Amino acid sequence: MPPTLHELGLDRLSVEDRIALAEALWESVAQEVEQAPLPEAQRQELERRLADSIAQPDAVTPWEQVKARALARARQ
């Protein structure tokens, strides 16, 4: 079991310091994940999705439209 915040003394940090620490931890994990090789099944799925989006460009909804719809629903 990993150590707790209390065991590490992190519960004594200010909220701002804990947020900064969380961001630093997340960035360190993200860097390692980016450097890790992509599993073959994931690579194949990404290639399939890319080929599908190229073959059917009209079947894709631009992010701007998705975001606008989500924001409109959230305002209701």
PDB file of N, CA and C in Angstrom:
ATOM      1  N   MET A   1       0.853  -1.179   0.000  1.00  0.00           N
ATOM      2  CA  MET A   1       0.000   0.000   0.000  1.00  0.00           C
ATOM      3  C   MET A   1       0.896   1.240   0.000  1.00  0.00           C
ATOM      4  N   PRO A   2       0.559   2.234  -0.838  1.00  0.00           N
ATOM      5  CA  PRO A   2       1.392   3.443  -0.883  1.00  0.00           C
ATOM      6  C   PRO A   2       1.273   4.254   0.403  1.00  0.00           C
ATOM      7  N   PRO A   3       2.279   5.068   0.684  1.00  0.00           N
ATOM      8  CA  PRO A   3       2.199   5.900   1.897  1.00  0.00           C
ATOM      9  C   PRO A   3       1.077   6.924   1.777  1.00  0.00           C
ATOM     10  N   THR A   4       0.540   7.315   2.917  1.00  0.00           N
ATOM     11  CA  THR A   4      -0.551   8.294   2.938  1.00  0.00           C
ATOM     12  C   THR A   4       0.015   9.714   2.990  1.00  0.00           C
ATOM     13  N   LEU A   5      -0.844  10.675   2.740  1.00  0.00           N
ATOM     14  CA  LEU A   5      -0.450  12.081   2.851  1.00  0.00           C
ATOM     15  C   LEU A   5       0.055  12.380   4.257  1.00  0.00           C
ATOM     16  N   HIS A   6      -0.635  11.812   5.228  1.00  0.00           N
ATOM     17  CA  HIS A   6      -0.266  12.037   6.636  1.00  0.00           C
ATOM     18  C   HIS A   6       1.117  11.453   6.931  1.00  0.00           C
ATOM     19  N   GLU A   7       1.347  10.226   6.473  1.00  0.00           N
ATOM     20  CA  GLU A   7       2.636   9.584   6.711  1.00  0.00           C
ATOM     21  C   GLU A   7       3.790  10.369   6.086  1.00  0.00           C
ATOM     22  N   LEU A   8       3.538  10.971   4.932  1.00  0.00           N
ATOM     23  CA  LEU A   8       4.566  11.749   4.250  1.00  0.00           C
ATOM     24  C   LEU A   8       4.644  13.187   4.757  1.00  0.00           C
ATOM     25  N   GLY A   9       3.697  13.591   5.596  1.00  0.00           N
ATOM     26  CA  GLY A   9       3.671  14.950   6.118  1.00  0.00           C
ATOM     27  C   GLY A   9       3.112  15.956   5.131  1.00  0.00           C
ATOM     28  N   LEU A  10       2.545  15.464   4.045  1.00  0.00           N
ATOM     29  CA  LEU A  10       2.032  16.368   3.014  1.00  0.00           C
ATOM     30  C   LEU A  10       0.741  17.059   3.422  1.00  0.00           C
ATOM     31  N   ASP A  11       0.054  16.498   4.402  1.00  0.00           N
ATOM     32  CA  ASP A  11      -1.183  17.119   4.875  1.00  0.00           C
ATOM     33  C   ASP A  11      -0.910  18.445   5.574  1.00  0.00           C
ATOM     34  N   ARG A  12       0.349  18.695   5.918  1.00  0.00           N
ATOM     35  CA  ARG A  12       0.708  19.964   6.566  1.00  0.00           C
ATOM     36  C   ARG A  12       1.010  21.069   5.553  1.00  0.00           C
ATOM     37  N   LEU A  13       1.100  20.722   4.301  1.00  0.00           N
ATOM     38  CA  LEU A  13       1.352  21.734   3.264  1.00  0.00           C
ATOM     39  C   LEU A  13       0.106  22.576   3.043  1.00  0.00           C
ATOM     40  N   SER A  14       0.312  23.783   2.560  1.00  0.00           N
ATOM     41  CA  SER A  14      -0.830  24.632   2.213  1.00  0.00           C
ATOM     42  C   SER A  14      -1.537  24.049   0.989  1.00  0.00           C
ATOM     43  N   VAL A  15      -2.749  24.485   0.760  1.00  0.00           N
ATOM     44  CA  VAL A  15      -3.503  24.031  -0.405  1.00  0.00           C
ATOM     45  C   VAL A  15      -2.730  24.346  -1.684  1.00  0.00           C
ATOM     46  N   GLU A  16      -2.171  25.545  -1.748  1.00  0.00           N
ATOM     47  CA  GLU A  16      -1.419  25.946  -2.941  1.00  0.00           C
ATOM     48  C   GLU A  16      -0.216  25.032  -3.170  1.00  0.00           C
ATOM     49  N   ASP A  17       0.497  24.705  -2.085  1.00  0.00           N
ATOM     50  CA  ASP A  17       1.654  23.823  -2.215  1.00  0.00           C
ATOM     51  C   ASP A  17       1.248  22.399  -2.604  1.00  0.00           C
ATOM     52  N   ARG A  18       0.129  21.921  -2.076  1.00  0.00           N
ATOM     53  CA  ARG A  18      -0.336  20.578  -2.450  1.00  0.00           C
ATOM     54  C   ARG A  18      -0.755  20.541  -3.910  1.00  0.00           C
ATOM     55  N   ILE A  19      -1.382  21.619  -4.372  1.00  0.00           N
ATOM     56  CA  ILE A  19      -1.758  21.681  -5.788  1.00  0.00           C
ATOM     57  C   ILE A  19      -0.505  21.689  -6.662  1.00  0.00           C
ATOM     58  N   ALA A  20       0.487  22.484  -6.296  1.00  0.00           N
ATOM     59  CA  ALA A  20       1.734  22.537  -7.061  1.00  0.00           C
ATOM     60  C   ALA A  20       2.417  21.170  -7.067  1.00  0.00           C
ATOM     61  N   LEU A  21       2.409  20.484  -5.931  1.00  0.00           N
ATOM     62  CA  LEU A  21       3.003  19.157  -5.851  1.00  0.00           C
ATOM     63  C   LEU A  21       2.241  18.161  -6.718  1.00  0.00           C
ATOM     64  N   ALA A  22       0.923  18.229  -6.683  1.00  0.00           N
ATOM     65  CA  ALA A  22       0.107  17.334  -7.508  1.00  0.00           C
ATOM     66  C   ALA A  22       0.401  17.555  -8.987  1.00  0.00           C
ATOM     67  N   GLU A  23       0.526  18.819  -9.391  1.00  0.00           N
ATOM     68  CA  GLU A  23       0.841  19.127 -10.788  1.00  0.00           C
ATOM     69  C   GLU A  23       2.219  18.589 -11.164  1.00  0.00           C
ATOM     70  N   ALA A  24       3.188  18.740 -10.276  1.00  0.00           N
ATOM     71  CA  ALA A  24       4.539  18.248 -10.549  1.00  0.00           C
ATOM     72  C   ALA A  24       4.545  16.720 -10.654  1.00  0.00           C
ATOM     73  N   LEU A  25       3.806  16.052  -9.765  1.00  0.00           N
ATOM     74  CA  LEU A  25       3.710  14.597  -9.837  1.00  0.00           C
ATOM     75  C   LEU A  25       3.060  14.152 -11.146  1.00  0.00           C
ATOM     76  N   TRP A  26       1.972  14.826 -11.513  1.00  0.00           N
ATOM     77  CA  TRP A  26       1.264  14.475 -12.738  1.00  0.00           C
ATOM     78  C   TRP A  26       2.180  14.658 -13.959  1.00  0.00           C
ATOM     79  N   GLU A  27       2.917  15.754 -13.995  1.00  0.00           N
ATOM     80  CA  GLU A  27       3.827  16.003 -15.116  1.00  0.00           C
ATOM     81  C   GLU A  27       4.897  14.926 -15.200  1.00  0.00           C
ATOM     82  N   SER A  28       5.419  14.490 -14.049  1.00  0.00           N
ATOM     83  CA  SER A  28       6.451  13.451 -14.068  1.00  0.00           C
ATOM     84  C   SER A  28       5.881  12.126 -14.575  1.00  0.00           C
ATOM     85  N   VAL A  29       4.650  11.812 -14.207  1.00  0.00           N
ATOM     86  CA  VAL A  29       4.007  10.594 -14.695  1.00  0.00           C
ATOM     87  C   VAL A  29       3.748  10.711 -16.195  1.00  0.00           C
ATOM     88  N   ALA A  30       3.248  11.864 -16.630  1.00  0.00           N
ATOM     89  CA  ALA A  30       2.948  12.069 -18.048  1.00  0.00           C
ATOM     90  C   ALA A  30       4.204  11.922 -18.898  1.00  0.00           C
ATOM     91  N   GLN A  31       5.319  12.430 -18.435  1.00  0.00           N
ATOM     92  CA  GLN A  31       6.572  12.304 -19.184  1.00  0.00           C
ATOM     93  C   GLN A  31       6.968  10.842 -19.337  1.00  0.00           C
ATOM     94  N   GLU A  32       6.833  10.068 -18.280  1.00  0.00           N
ATOM     95  CA  GLU A  32       7.167   8.648 -18.367  1.00  0.00           C
ATOM     96  C   GLU A  32       6.234   7.909 -19.313  1.00  0.00           C
ATOM     97  N   VAL A  33       4.950   8.240 -19.253  1.00  0.00           N
ATOM     98  CA  VAL A  33       3.973   7.579 -20.113  1.00  0.00           C
ATOM     99  C   VAL A  33       4.247   7.925 -21.573  1.00  0.00           C
ATOM    100  N   GLU A  34       4.592   9.177 -21.843  1.00  0.00           N
ATOM    101  CA  GLU A  34       4.883   9.582 -23.213  1.00  0.00           C
ATOM    102  C   GLU A  34       6.078   8.832 -23.785  1.00  0.00           C
ATOM    103  N   GLN A  35       7.034   8.492 -22.932  1.00  0.00           N
ATOM    104  CA  GLN A  35       8.241   7.810 -23.375  1.00  0.00           C
ATOM    105  C   GLN A  35       8.049   6.298 -23.485  1.00  0.00           C
ATOM    106  N   ALA A  36       6.996   5.779 -22.877  1.00  0.00           N
ATOM    107  CA  ALA A  36       6.749   4.339 -22.909  1.00  0.00           C
ATOM    108  C   ALA A  36       6.255   3.935 -24.296  1.00  0.00           C
ATOM    109  N   PRO A  37       6.654   2.763 -24.751  1.00  0.00           N
ATOM    110  CA  PRO A  37       6.174   2.310 -26.063  1.00  0.00           C
ATOM    111  C   PRO A  37       4.671   2.050 -26.037  1.00  0.00           C
ATOM    112  N   LEU A  38       4.031   2.343 -27.142  1.00  0.00           N
ATOM    113  CA  LEU A  38       2.594   2.136 -27.272  1.00  0.00           C
ATOM    114  C   LEU A  38       2.331   0.654 -27.532  1.00  0.00           C
ATOM    115  N   PRO A  39       1.430   0.036 -26.772  1.00  0.00           N
ATOM    116  CA  PRO A  39       1.103  -1.370 -27.037  1.00  0.00           C
ATOM    117  C   PRO A  39       0.589  -1.539 -28.468  1.00  0.00           C
ATOM    118  N   GLU A  40       0.895  -2.660 -29.075  1.00  0.00           N
ATOM    119  CA  GLU A  40       0.529  -2.913 -30.466  1.00  0.00           C
ATOM    120  C   GLU A  40      -0.970  -2.772 -30.707  1.00  0.00           C
ATOM    121  N   ALA A  41      -1.787  -3.264 -29.785  1.00  0.00           N
ATOM    122  CA  ALA A  41      -3.240  -3.175 -29.956  1.00  0.00           C
ATOM    123  C   ALA A  41      -3.701  -1.715 -29.992  1.00  0.00           C
ATOM    124  N   GLN A  42      -3.128  -0.865 -29.159  1.00  0.00           N
ATOM    125  CA  GLN A  42      -3.493   0.551 -29.160  1.00  0.00           C
ATOM    126  C   GLN A  42      -3.026   1.233 -30.441  1.00  0.00           C
ATOM    127  N   ARG A  43      -1.809   0.902 -30.896  1.00  0.00           N
ATOM    128  CA  ARG A  43      -1.295   1.482 -32.134  1.00  0.00           C
ATOM    129  C   ARG A  43      -2.208   1.124 -33.305  1.00  0.00           C
ATOM    130  N   GLN A  44      -2.626  -0.137 -33.366  1.00  0.00           N
ATOM    131  CA  GLN A  44      -3.513  -0.574 -34.442  1.00  0.00           C
ATOM    132  C   GLN A  44      -4.859   0.139 -34.377  1.00  0.00           C
ATOM    133  N   GLU A  45      -5.388   0.313 -33.165  1.00  0.00           N
ATOM    134  CA  GLU A  45      -6.674   1.002 -33.014  1.00  0.00           C
ATOM    135  C   GLU A  45      -6.564   2.457 -33.435  1.00  0.00           C
ATOM    136  N   LEU A  46      -5.475   3.121 -33.073  1.00  0.00           N
ATOM    137  CA  LEU A  46      -5.273   4.507 -33.498  1.00  0.00           C
ATOM    138  C   LEU A  46      -5.168   4.610 -35.016  1.00  0.00           C
ATOM    139  N   GLU A  47      -4.449   3.678 -35.614  1.00  0.00           N
ATOM    140  CA  GLU A  47      -4.337   3.668 -37.078  1.00  0.00           C
ATOM    141  C   GLU A  47      -5.695   3.430 -37.730  1.00  0.00           C
ATOM    142  N   ARG A  48      -6.502   2.531 -37.151  1.00  0.00           N
ATOM    143  CA  ARG A  48      -7.848   2.257 -37.689  1.00  0.00           C
ATOM    144  C   ARG A  48      -8.718   3.503 -37.603  1.00  0.00           C
ATOM    145  N   ARG A  49      -8.665   4.186 -36.458  1.00  0.00           N
ATOM    146  CA  ARG A  49      -9.481   5.392 -36.287  1.00  0.00           C
ATOM    147  C   ARG A  49      -9.035   6.507 -37.220  1.00  0.00           C
ATOM    148  N   LEU A  50      -7.733   6.650 -37.398  1.00  0.00           N
ATOM    149  CA  LEU A  50      -7.231   7.667 -38.316  1.00  0.00           C
ATOM    150  C   LEU A  50      -7.687   7.373 -39.738  1.00  0.00           C
ATOM    151  N   ALA A  51      -7.550   6.127 -40.172  1.00  0.00           N
ATOM    152  CA  ALA A  51      -7.984   5.749 -41.519  1.00  0.00           C
ATOM    153  C   ALA A  51      -9.483   5.990 -41.692  1.00  0.00           C
ATOM    154  N   ASP A  52     -10.262   5.668 -40.665  1.00  0.00           N
ATOM    155  CA  ASP A  52     -11.711   5.880 -40.723  1.00  0.00           C
ATOM    156  C   ASP A  52     -12.052   7.358 -40.836  1.00  0.00           C
ATOM    157  N   SER A  53     -11.352   8.202 -40.071  1.00  0.00           N
ATOM    158  CA  SER A  53     -11.651   9.642 -40.138  1.00  0.00           C
ATOM    159  C   SER A  53     -11.233  10.240 -41.475  1.00  0.00           C
ATOM    160  N   ILE A  54     -10.184   9.696 -42.086  1.00  0.00           N
ATOM    161  CA  ILE A  54      -9.765  10.171 -43.413  1.00  0.00           C
ATOM    162  C   ILE A  54     -10.760   9.710 -44.471  1.00  0.00           C
ATOM    163  N   ALA A  55     -11.233   8.472 -44.357  1.00  0.00           N
ATOM    164  CA  ALA A  55     -12.175   7.913 -45.334  1.00  0.00           C
ATOM    165  C   ALA A  55     -13.559   8.555 -45.231  1.00  0.00           C
ATOM    166  N   GLN A  56     -13.935   8.999 -44.018  1.00  0.00           N
ATOM    167  CA  GLN A  56     -15.274   9.565 -43.802  1.00  0.00           C
ATOM    168  C   GLN A  56     -15.170  10.897 -43.069  1.00  0.00           C
ATOM    169  N   PRO A  57     -14.623  11.916 -43.705  1.00  0.00           N
ATOM    170  CA  PRO A  57     -14.424  13.195 -43.003  1.00  0.00           C
ATOM    171  C   PRO A  57     -15.717  13.856 -42.533  1.00  0.00           C
ATOM    172  N   ASP A  58     -16.826  13.576 -43.196  1.00  0.00           N
ATOM    173  CA  ASP A  58     -18.101  14.186 -42.800  1.00  0.00           C
ATOM    174  C   ASP A  58     -18.698  13.523 -41.561  1.00  0.00           C
ATOM    175  N   ALA A  59     -18.185  12.366 -41.170  1.00  0.00           N
ATOM    176  CA  ALA A  59     -18.712  11.662 -40.011  1.00  0.00           C
ATOM    177  C   ALA A  59     -18.100  12.175 -38.707  1.00  0.00           C
ATOM    178  N   VAL A  60     -17.174  13.098 -38.818  1.00  0.00           N
ATOM    179  CA  VAL A  60     -16.478  13.638 -37.651  1.00  0.00           C
ATOM    180  C   VAL A  60     -17.077  14.992 -37.287  1.00  0.00           C
ATOM    181  N   THR A  61     -17.333  15.207 -36.008  1.00  0.00           N
ATOM    182  CA  THR A  61     -17.838  16.493 -35.536  1.00  0.00           C
ATOM    183  C   THR A  61     -16.670  17.302 -34.983  1.00  0.00           C
ATOM    184  N   PRO A  62     -16.466  18.502 -35.514  1.00  0.00           N
ATOM    185  CA  PRO A  62     -15.363  19.333 -35.010  1.00  0.00           C
ATOM    186  C   PRO A  62     -15.510  19.633 -33.519  1.00  0.00           C
ATOM    187  N   TRP A  63     -14.376  19.716 -32.832  1.00  0.00           N
ATOM    188  CA  TRP A  63     -14.349  19.970 -31.399  1.00  0.00           C
ATOM    189  C   TRP A  63     -15.133  21.226 -31.043  1.00  0.00           C
ATOM    190  N   GLU A  64     -15.018  22.265 -31.839  1.00  0.00           N
ATOM    191  CA  GLU A  64     -15.715  23.524 -31.540  1.00  0.00           C
ATOM    192  C   GLU A  64     -17.217  23.305 -31.427  1.00  0.00           C
ATOM    193  N   GLN A  65     -17.783  22.467 -32.304  1.00  0.00           N
ATOM    194  CA  GLN A  65     -19.219  22.193 -32.258  1.00  0.00           C
ATOM    195  C   GLN A  65     -19.583  21.359 -31.023  1.00  0.00           C
ATOM    196  N   VAL A  66     -18.785  20.364 -30.726  1.00  0.00           N
ATOM    197  CA  VAL A  66     -19.037  19.532 -29.548  1.00  0.00           C
ATOM    198  C   VAL A  66     -19.002  20.392 -28.289  1.00  0.00           C
ATOM    199  N   LYS A  67     -17.992  21.247 -28.193  1.00  0.00           N
ATOM    200  CA  LYS A  67     -17.843  22.113 -27.027  1.00  0.00           C
ATOM    201  C   LYS A  67     -19.018  23.085 -26.911  1.00  0.00           C
ATOM    202  N   ALA A  68     -19.417  23.692 -28.025  1.00  0.00           N
ATOM    203  CA  ALA A  68     -20.529  24.645 -28.008  1.00  0.00           C
ATOM    204  C   ALA A  68     -21.817  23.966 -27.549  1.00  0.00           C
ATOM    205  N   ARG A  69     -22.078  22.760 -28.041  1.00  0.00           N
ATOM    206  CA  ARG A  69     -23.286  22.034 -27.625  1.00  0.00           C
ATOM    207  C   ARG A  69     -23.248  21.698 -26.142  1.00  0.00           C
ATOM    208  N   ALA A  70     -22.087  21.252 -25.662  1.00  0.00           N
ATOM    209  CA  ALA A  70     -21.961  20.902 -24.240  1.00  0.00           C
ATOM    210  C   ALA A  70     -22.172  22.129 -23.362  1.00  0.00           C
ATOM    211  N   LEU A  71     -21.588  23.244 -23.753  1.00  0.00           N
ATOM    212  CA  LEU A  71     -21.752  24.470 -22.974  1.00  0.00           C
ATOM    213  C   LEU A  71     -23.197  24.947 -22.994  1.00  0.00           C
ATOM    214  N   ALA A  72     -23.863  24.827 -24.147  1.00  0.00           N
ATOM    215  CA  ALA A  72     -25.269  25.228 -24.247  1.00  0.00           C
ATOM    216  C   ALA A  72     -26.132  24.364 -23.322  1.00  0.00           C
ATOM    217  N   ARG A  73     -25.851  23.059 -23.272  1.00  0.00           N
ATOM    218  CA  ARG A  73     -26.615  22.165 -22.384  1.00  0.00           C
ATOM    219  C   ARG A  73     -26.348  22.486 -20.929  1.00  0.00           C
ATOM    220  N   ALA A  74     -25.128  22.832 -20.615  1.00  0.00           N
ATOM    221  CA  ALA A  74     -24.763  23.131 -19.222  1.00  0.00           C
ATOM    222  C   ALA A  74     -25.440  24.402 -18.740  1.00  0.00           C
ATOM    223  N   ARG A  75     -25.738  25.305 -19.635  1.00  0.00           N
ATOM    224  CA  ARG A  75     -26.365  26.582 -19.263  1.00  0.00           C
ATOM    225  C   ARG A  75     -27.864  26.444 -19.035  1.00  0.00           C
ATOM    226  N   GLN A  76     -28.458  25.343 -19.479  1.00  0.00           N
ATOM    227  CA  GLN A  76     -29.909  25.159 -19.344  1.00  0.00           C
ATOM    228  C   GLN A  76     -30.306  24.832 -17.937  1.00  0.00           C
TER     229      GLN A  76
END
